[in-house]
N, C-alpha and C. Protein backbone atom coordinates (compact mmCIF):
# COMPACT_ATOMS: atom_id res chain seq x y z
N MET A 1 93.30 115.92 97.03
CA MET A 1 94.35 114.95 97.33
C MET A 1 95.48 115.69 98.03
N ASP A 2 95.85 115.20 99.21
CA ASP A 2 96.95 115.86 99.92
C ASP A 2 98.30 115.31 99.45
N ASP A 3 99.38 115.83 100.01
CA ASP A 3 100.72 115.44 99.58
C ASP A 3 100.97 113.95 99.75
N TYR A 4 100.52 113.39 100.88
CA TYR A 4 100.74 111.97 101.12
C TYR A 4 100.03 111.13 100.06
N GLU A 5 98.79 111.47 99.78
CA GLU A 5 98.02 110.71 98.78
C GLU A 5 98.68 110.80 97.41
N ALA A 6 99.18 111.98 97.05
CA ALA A 6 99.87 112.15 95.76
C ALA A 6 101.14 111.30 95.73
N TRP A 7 101.88 111.28 96.84
CA TRP A 7 103.09 110.47 96.91
C TRP A 7 102.75 108.99 96.82
N ASP A 8 101.70 108.57 97.51
CA ASP A 8 101.26 107.18 97.49
C ASP A 8 100.90 106.75 96.06
N GLU A 9 100.15 107.60 95.38
CA GLU A 9 99.77 107.33 93.99
C GLU A 9 101.02 107.21 93.11
N LEU A 10 101.96 108.12 93.27
CA LEU A 10 103.19 108.10 92.47
C LEU A 10 104.02 106.85 92.76
N PHE A 11 104.09 106.46 94.02
CA PHE A 11 104.84 105.26 94.39
C PHE A 11 104.30 104.04 93.65
N HIS A 12 102.99 103.83 93.74
CA HIS A 12 102.39 102.67 93.09
C HIS A 12 102.51 102.75 91.57
N ARG A 13 102.27 103.90 91.00
CA ARG A 13 102.36 104.07 89.54
C ARG A 13 103.78 103.79 89.06
N THR A 14 104.78 104.24 89.80
CA THR A 14 106.18 104.03 89.41
C THR A 14 106.52 102.54 89.37
N ILE A 15 106.07 101.79 90.36
CA ILE A 15 106.33 100.35 90.37
C ILE A 15 105.65 99.67 89.20
N VAL A 16 104.41 100.03 88.94
CA VAL A 16 103.67 99.43 87.82
C VAL A 16 104.38 99.73 86.51
N GLU A 17 104.78 100.97 86.30
CA GLU A 17 105.46 101.34 85.05
C GLU A 17 106.81 100.65 84.92
N ALA A 18 107.53 100.52 86.03
CA ALA A 18 108.84 99.87 86.00
C ALA A 18 108.71 98.38 85.65
N ALA A 19 107.58 97.78 86.00
CA ALA A 19 107.38 96.36 85.70
C ALA A 19 107.28 96.13 84.20
N GLY A 20 106.82 97.13 83.45
CA GLY A 20 106.73 96.99 82.01
C GLY A 20 105.73 95.93 81.56
N ASN A 21 104.73 95.68 82.37
CA ASN A 21 103.74 94.64 82.07
C ASN A 21 102.41 95.33 81.76
N PRO A 22 101.98 95.27 80.49
CA PRO A 22 100.73 95.95 80.12
C PRO A 22 99.51 95.42 80.86
N LEU A 23 99.47 94.14 81.16
CA LEU A 23 98.35 93.58 81.90
C LEU A 23 98.30 94.16 83.31
N LEU A 24 99.44 94.22 83.97
CA LEU A 24 99.52 94.81 85.30
C LEU A 24 99.12 96.29 85.24
N ALA A 25 99.59 97.00 84.23
CA ALA A 25 99.25 98.43 84.10
C ALA A 25 97.75 98.61 83.94
N GLY A 26 97.12 97.78 83.11
CA GLY A 26 95.68 97.87 82.93
C GLY A 26 94.92 97.55 84.20
N LEU A 27 95.34 96.52 84.89
CA LEU A 27 94.71 96.14 86.16
C LEU A 27 94.87 97.25 87.18
N TYR A 28 96.07 97.81 87.24
CA TYR A 28 96.31 98.90 88.18
C TYR A 28 95.39 100.08 87.88
N ASP A 29 95.25 100.43 86.61
CA ASP A 29 94.39 101.56 86.25
C ASP A 29 92.95 101.34 86.71
N VAL A 30 92.44 100.12 86.53
CA VAL A 30 91.07 99.82 86.94
C VAL A 30 90.93 99.90 88.46
N VAL A 31 91.85 99.28 89.17
CA VAL A 31 91.80 99.28 90.63
C VAL A 31 91.97 100.70 91.17
N ASN A 32 92.90 101.43 90.59
CA ASN A 32 93.15 102.79 91.07
C ASN A 32 91.94 103.69 90.83
N GLN A 33 91.30 103.55 89.69
CA GLN A 33 90.12 104.36 89.41
C GLN A 33 89.00 104.05 90.42
N ALA A 34 88.81 102.77 90.73
CA ALA A 34 87.81 102.39 91.74
C ALA A 34 88.19 102.97 93.09
N ARG A 35 89.45 102.91 93.40
CA ARG A 35 89.94 103.44 94.68
C ARG A 35 89.64 104.94 94.76
N ILE A 36 89.85 105.64 93.70
CA ILE A 36 89.62 107.08 93.69
C ILE A 36 88.13 107.40 93.76
N GLU A 37 87.34 106.74 92.94
CA GLU A 37 85.92 107.08 92.82
C GLU A 37 85.06 106.57 93.97
N VAL A 38 85.30 105.34 94.37
CA VAL A 38 84.40 104.71 95.33
C VAL A 38 85.02 104.64 96.72
N VAL A 39 86.15 104.07 96.79
CA VAL A 39 86.75 103.75 98.08
C VAL A 39 87.35 104.97 98.76
N TRP A 40 87.93 105.85 97.98
CA TRP A 40 88.69 106.95 98.55
C TRP A 40 87.90 107.75 99.57
N THR A 41 86.70 108.16 99.21
CA THR A 41 85.96 109.01 100.12
C THR A 41 85.61 108.28 101.41
N THR A 42 85.28 107.01 101.32
CA THR A 42 84.92 106.23 102.50
C THR A 42 86.12 105.90 103.35
N LEU A 43 87.21 105.50 102.70
CA LEU A 43 88.36 105.02 103.45
C LEU A 43 89.36 106.10 103.82
N ARG A 44 89.24 107.26 103.22
CA ARG A 44 90.23 108.30 103.43
C ARG A 44 90.50 108.54 104.92
N ARG A 45 89.46 108.65 105.71
CA ARG A 45 89.65 108.95 107.13
C ARG A 45 90.43 107.84 107.83
N THR A 46 90.17 106.59 107.49
CA THR A 46 90.85 105.47 108.14
C THR A 46 92.21 105.19 107.51
N MET A 47 92.23 105.13 106.19
CA MET A 47 93.46 104.77 105.49
C MET A 47 94.58 105.76 105.74
N PHE A 48 94.22 107.00 105.96
CA PHE A 48 95.26 108.00 106.03
C PHE A 48 95.37 108.66 107.40
N GLU A 49 94.97 107.92 108.43
CA GLU A 49 95.30 108.35 109.78
C GLU A 49 96.82 108.27 109.89
N GLN A 50 97.39 109.08 110.74
CA GLN A 50 98.84 109.16 110.83
C GLN A 50 99.49 107.80 111.08
N GLU A 51 98.92 107.02 111.97
CA GLU A 51 99.49 105.70 112.29
C GLU A 51 99.50 104.80 111.05
N THR A 52 98.42 104.84 110.29
CA THR A 52 98.33 104.02 109.07
C THR A 52 99.32 104.51 108.03
N ARG A 53 99.44 105.82 107.89
CA ARG A 53 100.41 106.38 106.93
C ARG A 53 101.82 105.94 107.26
N ILE A 54 102.17 105.95 108.53
CA ILE A 54 103.51 105.54 108.95
C ILE A 54 103.73 104.06 108.62
N GLN A 55 102.75 103.24 108.91
CA GLN A 55 102.86 101.81 108.61
C GLN A 55 103.02 101.60 107.11
N PHE A 56 102.19 102.27 106.30
CA PHE A 56 102.29 102.13 104.85
C PHE A 56 103.65 102.63 104.34
N ALA A 57 104.14 103.73 104.88
CA ALA A 57 105.43 104.27 104.45
C ALA A 57 106.56 103.28 104.73
N LYS A 58 106.51 102.63 105.88
CA LYS A 58 107.52 101.61 106.21
C LYS A 58 107.42 100.44 105.24
N GLN A 59 106.19 100.03 104.93
CA GLN A 59 106.02 98.93 103.99
C GLN A 59 106.49 99.33 102.60
N HIS A 60 106.18 100.54 102.19
CA HIS A 60 106.65 101.02 100.88
C HIS A 60 108.17 101.04 100.83
N ALA A 61 108.81 101.47 101.91
CA ALA A 61 110.27 101.50 101.95
C ALA A 61 110.84 100.09 101.78
N ARG A 62 110.24 99.13 102.46
CA ARG A 62 110.70 97.74 102.35
C ARG A 62 110.54 97.23 100.92
N ILE A 63 109.42 97.55 100.30
CA ILE A 63 109.19 97.15 98.91
C ILE A 63 110.24 97.78 98.00
N ALA A 64 110.42 99.09 98.12
CA ALA A 64 111.38 99.80 97.26
C ALA A 64 112.80 99.30 97.47
N GLU A 65 113.18 99.07 98.71
CA GLU A 65 114.53 98.56 99.00
C GLU A 65 114.74 97.18 98.39
N SER A 66 113.73 96.33 98.45
CA SER A 66 113.83 94.99 97.89
C SER A 66 113.95 95.05 96.37
N ILE A 67 113.18 95.93 95.76
CA ILE A 67 113.26 96.09 94.30
C ILE A 67 114.63 96.63 93.92
N ALA A 68 115.10 97.65 94.62
CA ALA A 68 116.41 98.24 94.32
C ALA A 68 117.53 97.22 94.46
N ALA A 69 117.38 96.31 95.41
CA ALA A 69 118.37 95.25 95.63
C ALA A 69 118.19 94.09 94.65
N ARG A 70 117.15 94.20 93.82
CA ARG A 70 116.82 93.13 92.85
C ARG A 70 116.58 91.80 93.55
N ASN A 71 115.97 91.87 94.72
CA ASN A 71 115.66 90.68 95.50
C ASN A 71 114.16 90.39 95.34
N SER A 72 113.85 89.57 94.36
CA SER A 72 112.44 89.32 94.04
C SER A 72 111.69 88.62 95.16
N ASN A 73 112.36 87.74 95.88
CA ASN A 73 111.69 87.05 96.99
C ASN A 73 111.29 88.02 98.09
N ASP A 74 112.20 88.90 98.45
CA ASP A 74 111.89 89.89 99.48
C ASP A 74 110.84 90.89 98.99
N ALA A 75 110.94 91.29 97.71
CA ALA A 75 109.96 92.22 97.15
C ALA A 75 108.58 91.59 97.16
N TRP A 76 108.50 90.33 96.79
CA TRP A 76 107.21 89.62 96.79
C TRP A 76 106.65 89.55 98.22
N ALA A 77 107.49 89.19 99.18
CA ALA A 77 107.04 89.10 100.57
C ALA A 77 106.61 90.46 101.10
N ALA A 78 107.35 91.50 100.77
CA ALA A 78 107.00 92.85 101.21
C ALA A 78 105.68 93.30 100.61
N MET A 79 105.48 93.02 99.33
CA MET A 79 104.22 93.40 98.68
C MET A 79 103.06 92.59 99.25
N ARG A 80 103.27 91.33 99.50
CA ARG A 80 102.23 90.49 100.10
C ARG A 80 101.83 91.01 101.47
N ASP A 81 102.81 91.39 102.28
CA ASP A 81 102.53 91.96 103.60
C ASP A 81 101.74 93.26 103.47
N HIS A 82 102.12 94.09 102.52
CA HIS A 82 101.43 95.37 102.31
C HIS A 82 99.98 95.13 101.89
N MET A 83 99.78 94.22 100.96
CA MET A 83 98.41 93.92 100.51
C MET A 83 97.57 93.34 101.65
N SER A 84 98.18 92.55 102.50
CA SER A 84 97.47 91.99 103.65
C SER A 84 97.05 93.10 104.61
N THR A 85 97.94 94.05 104.84
CA THR A 85 97.61 95.17 105.71
C THR A 85 96.46 95.99 105.12
N ILE A 86 96.52 96.25 103.82
CA ILE A 86 95.45 97.00 103.15
C ILE A 86 94.12 96.25 103.28
N ALA A 87 94.15 94.94 103.07
CA ALA A 87 92.93 94.15 103.20
C ALA A 87 92.38 94.24 104.62
N ASP A 88 93.25 94.19 105.62
CA ASP A 88 92.80 94.31 107.01
C ASP A 88 92.13 95.66 107.27
N VAL A 89 92.69 96.72 106.70
CA VAL A 89 92.11 98.06 106.86
C VAL A 89 90.74 98.11 106.20
N TYR A 90 90.64 97.59 104.97
CA TYR A 90 89.36 97.58 104.26
C TYR A 90 88.30 96.81 105.06
N ILE A 91 88.67 95.66 105.58
CA ILE A 91 87.73 94.84 106.35
C ILE A 91 87.28 95.57 107.62
N ALA A 92 88.21 96.23 108.29
CA ALA A 92 87.86 96.98 109.51
C ALA A 92 86.88 98.10 109.18
N VAL A 93 87.12 98.80 108.08
CA VAL A 93 86.22 99.88 107.68
C VAL A 93 84.84 99.32 107.31
N GLU A 94 84.84 98.23 106.58
CA GLU A 94 83.56 97.62 106.20
C GLU A 94 82.78 97.17 107.43
N ASN A 95 83.47 96.57 108.38
CA ASN A 95 82.80 96.13 109.61
C ASN A 95 82.21 97.30 110.38
N ARG A 96 82.93 98.42 110.41
CA ARG A 96 82.40 99.61 111.07
C ARG A 96 81.16 100.13 110.35
N GLN A 97 81.18 100.10 109.04
CA GLN A 97 80.03 100.56 108.26
C GLN A 97 78.83 99.65 108.48
N LEU A 98 79.06 98.35 108.50
CA LEU A 98 77.96 97.41 108.71
C LEU A 98 77.35 97.53 110.10
N ALA A 99 78.21 97.86 111.07
CA ALA A 99 77.74 98.00 112.44
C ALA A 99 76.86 99.24 112.61
N GLY A 100 77.07 100.22 111.76
CA GLY A 100 76.26 101.43 111.81
C GLY A 100 76.81 102.47 112.75
N PRO A 101 76.24 103.66 112.66
CA PRO A 101 76.71 104.76 113.50
C PRO A 101 76.45 104.48 114.98
N GLY A 102 77.37 104.89 115.79
CA GLY A 102 77.22 104.74 117.23
C GLY A 102 77.64 103.38 117.77
N SER A 103 77.98 102.44 116.88
CA SER A 103 78.39 101.12 117.33
C SER A 103 79.83 101.18 117.82
N VAL A 104 80.14 100.39 118.79
CA VAL A 104 81.50 100.29 119.30
C VAL A 104 82.06 98.98 118.83
N MET A 105 83.14 99.06 118.09
CA MET A 105 83.78 97.84 117.58
C MET A 105 85.22 97.83 117.99
């Protein structure tokens, strides 16, 4: 795990712990474990390209700023946008895998 990945993990864990919601914490643990064991190796090359890291960092900043400002509407919108971006990345990677090696997508 490189520095960015460690920071990303800490960012998400900090938000989950700050929420104080045991259900959210349990869900996060399950999703994070899957991300580490299954998804990480496949998505690492795509998820952590410099351009993607910059986009995620900007989204994380927006989330953190909204939380710090105690603006739940903005925090919700920022998190929704971040999750949408992550879903788009996952779908793009899956499509590349389904297309097989040598395919141009």
